[in-house]
Amino acid sequence: MTQNYSLDAVNTMDTATFADVFGDIAEHSPWVAEGAGLVRPFPSREVMIDVFAHVMQTAEHEAQLALIRAHPDLAGKAALSGELTEDSKSEQAGVGLDQLSAEEFARFTDLNNRYLTRFGFPFIFAVKGATKFMILDAFEKRLNNDREVEFQTALAQIAKIIRFRLEDRVQ
């Protein structure tokens, strides 16, 4: 269970504690939290969310690509082997991706593989509040985009994931 923090508590954390508490907000990319922590104090949770997104959006291309690639496939191998972060596990389970039929799992696997082959990074979708049908529809549509559009779409989806995770942790 993830702990919930008041904004005052967030603003008074020392740098190491802040990085430890929020380092996993951006999947396996603590540099996002480290950069955001430099901007404290945050006047509101909304500003905090915006700062995290800004740090990610203004990073160098290679750092952004590494962040995108740090995300697991939806209903993929990491989920089967239990290698998902707690946040990813909870988010994917929340939309039923942990309870797919064999046919649905095969479809997700095929789309994940096609997407990765086409773009060189995994399909990113902020699943909170979505259904598996919405995700599959987005998969099909986004396979037709060019790489730069998908790169920017992935960053926008990560910004949504960051928002959801911070909303869950900060009052």
Protein backbone atom coordinates (compact mmCIF):
# COMPACT_ATOMS: atom_id res chain seq x y z
CA MET A 1 0.00 0.00 0.00
CA THR A 2 1.38 3.37 -1.02
CA GLN A 3 1.53 6.01 1.67
CA ASN A 4 -0.32 9.30 1.22
CA TYR A 5 1.47 12.58 1.99
CA SER A 6 0.27 16.09 2.68
CA LEU A 7 1.70 18.83 0.50
CA ASP A 8 3.34 20.32 3.59
CA ALA A 9 5.10 17.01 4.25
CA VAL A 10 6.24 16.86 0.63
CA ASN A 11 7.62 20.39 0.76
CA THR A 12 9.57 19.80 3.98
CA MET A 13 11.17 16.47 3.02
CA ASP A 14 14.92 16.54 2.66
CA THR A 15 16.20 15.92 -0.86
CA ALA A 16 17.07 12.26 -0.28
CA THR A 17 13.70 11.46 1.28
CA PHE A 18 11.83 13.21 -1.54
CA ALA A 19 13.81 11.23 -4.14
CA ASP A 20 13.17 8.01 -2.21
CA VAL A 21 9.43 8.61 -1.81
CA PHE A 22 8.78 9.81 -5.38
CA GLY A 23 11.62 8.20 -7.34
CA ASP A 24 9.31 5.51 -8.70
CA ILE A 25 6.59 7.88 -9.96
CA ALA A 26 8.17 7.80 -13.44
CA GLU A 27 8.77 4.11 -14.15
CA HIS A 28 12.37 3.17 -13.18
CA SER A 29 13.43 6.79 -13.81
CA PRO A 30 14.23 8.52 -10.50
CA TRP A 31 15.79 11.46 -12.36
CA VAL A 32 12.29 12.84 -12.94
CA ALA A 33 11.60 13.08 -9.20
CA GLU A 34 15.10 14.36 -8.53
CA GLY A 35 14.58 17.20 -11.01
CA ALA A 36 11.11 17.98 -9.71
CA GLY A 37 12.37 18.04 -6.13
CA LEU A 38 14.66 20.95 -6.97
CA VAL A 39 11.64 23.17 -7.64
CA ARG A 40 10.07 22.81 -4.18
CA PRO A 41 8.21 24.15 -2.37
CA PHE A 42 5.16 23.39 -4.47
CA PRO A 43 2.23 25.78 -3.88
CA SER A 44 -0.28 23.04 -4.81
CA ARG A 45 -0.50 19.40 -5.84
CA GLU A 46 -1.41 20.57 -9.34
CA VAL A 47 1.84 22.53 -9.61
CA MET A 48 3.74 19.50 -8.34
CA ILE A 49 2.18 17.37 -11.06
CA ASP A 50 3.01 19.99 -13.69
CA VAL A 51 6.62 20.18 -12.50
CA PHE A 52 7.08 16.40 -12.77
CA ALA A 53 5.65 16.48 -16.30
CA HIS A 54 7.81 19.48 -17.23
CA VAL A 55 10.99 17.76 -16.05
CA MET A 56 10.11 14.75 -18.22
CA GLN A 57 9.01 16.81 -21.24
CA THR A 58 12.14 19.01 -21.25
CA ALA A 59 14.68 16.22 -20.77
CA GLU A 60 17.06 15.25 -23.53
CA HIS A 61 15.68 12.89 -26.16
CA GLU A 62 17.80 9.93 -24.99
CA ALA A 63 16.55 10.30 -21.40
CA GLN A 64 12.97 10.47 -22.65
CA LEU A 65 13.49 7.38 -24.79
CA ALA A 66 14.98 5.50 -21.83
CA LEU A 67 11.95 6.51 -19.74
CA ILE A 68 9.55 5.26 -22.42
CA ARG A 69 11.49 2.00 -22.74
CA ALA A 70 11.40 1.52 -18.95
CA HIS A 71 7.64 0.95 -19.13
CA PRO A 72 6.40 -2.63 -19.30
CA ASP A 73 4.23 -4.02 -22.05
CA LEU A 74 0.54 -3.98 -21.19
CA ALA A 75 -0.42 -7.53 -20.20
CA GLY A 76 3.06 -8.62 -21.24
CA LYS A 77 5.90 -10.84 -20.03
CA ALA A 78 6.70 -8.67 -16.99
CA ALA A 79 3.13 -9.08 -15.77
CA LEU A 80 3.29 -12.85 -16.16
CA SER A 81 6.62 -13.15 -14.37
CA GLY A 82 5.65 -10.78 -11.56
CA GLU A 83 8.27 -8.17 -12.50
CA LEU A 84 5.92 -5.16 -12.59
CA THR A 85 6.36 -2.29 -10.18
CA GLU A 86 3.62 -2.10 -7.55
CA ASP A 87 2.07 0.90 -9.35
CA SER A 88 2.04 -0.86 -12.73
CA LYS A 89 0.66 -4.06 -11.22
CA SER A 90 -2.17 -2.17 -9.53
CA GLU A 91 -2.94 -0.08 -12.64
CA GLN A 92 -3.03 -3.07 -14.99
CA ALA A 93 -5.09 -5.14 -12.54
CA GLY A 94 -7.49 -2.22 -12.14
CA VAL A 95 -8.61 -2.60 -15.76
CA GLY A 96 -8.55 -6.39 -15.77
CA LEU A 97 -5.33 -6.92 -17.71
CA ASP A 98 -4.37 -9.57 -15.17
CA GLN A 99 -7.49 -11.59 -16.03
CA LEU A 100 -7.39 -11.82 -19.82
CA SER A 101 -8.61 -14.86 -21.68
CA ALA A 102 -6.03 -16.78 -23.71
CA GLU A 103 -7.33 -15.11 -26.88
CA GLU A 104 -7.16 -11.63 -25.38
CA PHE A 105 -3.67 -12.27 -24.06
CA ALA A 106 -2.58 -13.45 -27.52
CA ARG A 107 -4.02 -10.27 -29.06
CA PHE A 108 -2.20 -8.05 -26.55
CA THR A 109 1.03 -9.99 -27.18
CA ASP A 110 0.68 -9.60 -30.95
CA LEU A 111 -0.05 -5.86 -30.68
CA ASN A 112 2.80 -5.31 -28.21
CA ASN A 113 5.21 -7.09 -30.57
CA ARG A 114 4.00 -5.25 -33.67
CA TYR A 115 4.18 -1.90 -31.89
CA LEU A 116 7.66 -2.52 -30.50
CA THR A 117 8.92 -3.65 -33.90
CA ARG A 118 7.46 -0.58 -35.63
CA PHE A 119 8.52 2.09 -33.12
CA GLY A 120 11.39 0.65 -31.08
CA PHE A 121 9.69 1.28 -27.75
CA PRO A 122 6.68 -0.16 -25.92
CA PHE A 123 3.10 1.02 -26.29
CA ILE A 124 2.31 3.41 -23.43
CA PHE A 125 -1.27 3.96 -22.29
CA ALA A 126 -2.40 5.46 -18.99
CA VAL A 127 -4.83 2.68 -18.15
CA LYS A 128 -6.53 4.15 -15.08
CA GLY A 129 -10.22 4.61 -15.89
CA ALA A 130 -9.93 2.76 -19.20
CA THR A 131 -11.16 -0.65 -20.30
CA LYS A 132 -9.25 -3.36 -22.13
CA PHE A 133 -11.40 -2.55 -25.17
CA MET A 134 -10.35 1.12 -25.09
CA ILE A 135 -6.71 0.05 -24.83
CA LEU A 136 -7.00 -2.38 -27.73
CA ASP A 137 -8.72 0.28 -29.85
CA ALA A 138 -5.94 2.76 -29.11
CA PHE A 139 -3.34 0.12 -29.96
CA GLU A 140 -4.90 -0.47 -33.38
CA LYS A 141 -5.21 3.25 -34.18
CA ARG A 142 -1.77 4.24 -32.94
CA LEU A 143 0.00 1.54 -34.95
CA ASN A 144 -0.74 3.74 -37.98
CA ASN A 145 1.05 6.83 -36.60
CA ASP A 146 4.59 7.83 -37.50
CA ARG A 147 7.38 7.40 -34.96
CA GLU A 148 7.60 11.04 -33.82
CA VAL A 149 3.84 11.25 -33.25
CA GLU A 150 4.03 8.05 -31.18
CA PHE A 151 7.06 9.29 -29.27
CA GLN A 152 5.15 12.45 -28.27
CA THR A 153 2.01 10.42 -27.56
CA ALA A 154 4.02 8.12 -25.28
CA LEU A 155 5.34 11.14 -23.35
CA ALA A 156 1.81 12.54 -23.03
CA GLN A 157 0.59 9.17 -21.72
CA ILE A 158 3.47 9.05 -19.22
CA ALA A 159 2.48 12.54 -18.04
CA LYS A 160 -1.01 11.13 -17.37
CA ILE A 161 0.47 8.17 -15.49
CA ILE A 162 2.55 10.57 -13.41
CA ARG A 163 -0.59 12.61 -12.68
CA PHE A 164 -2.55 9.55 -11.55
CA ARG A 165 0.28 8.32 -9.34
CA LEU A 166 0.86 11.70 -7.70
CA GLU A 167 -2.88 12.16 -7.16
CA ASP A 168 -2.84 8.83 -5.32
CA ARG A 169 0.11 9.81 -3.10
CA VAL A 170 -0.29 13.51 -2.37
CA GLN A 171 -3.33 15.06 -0.66
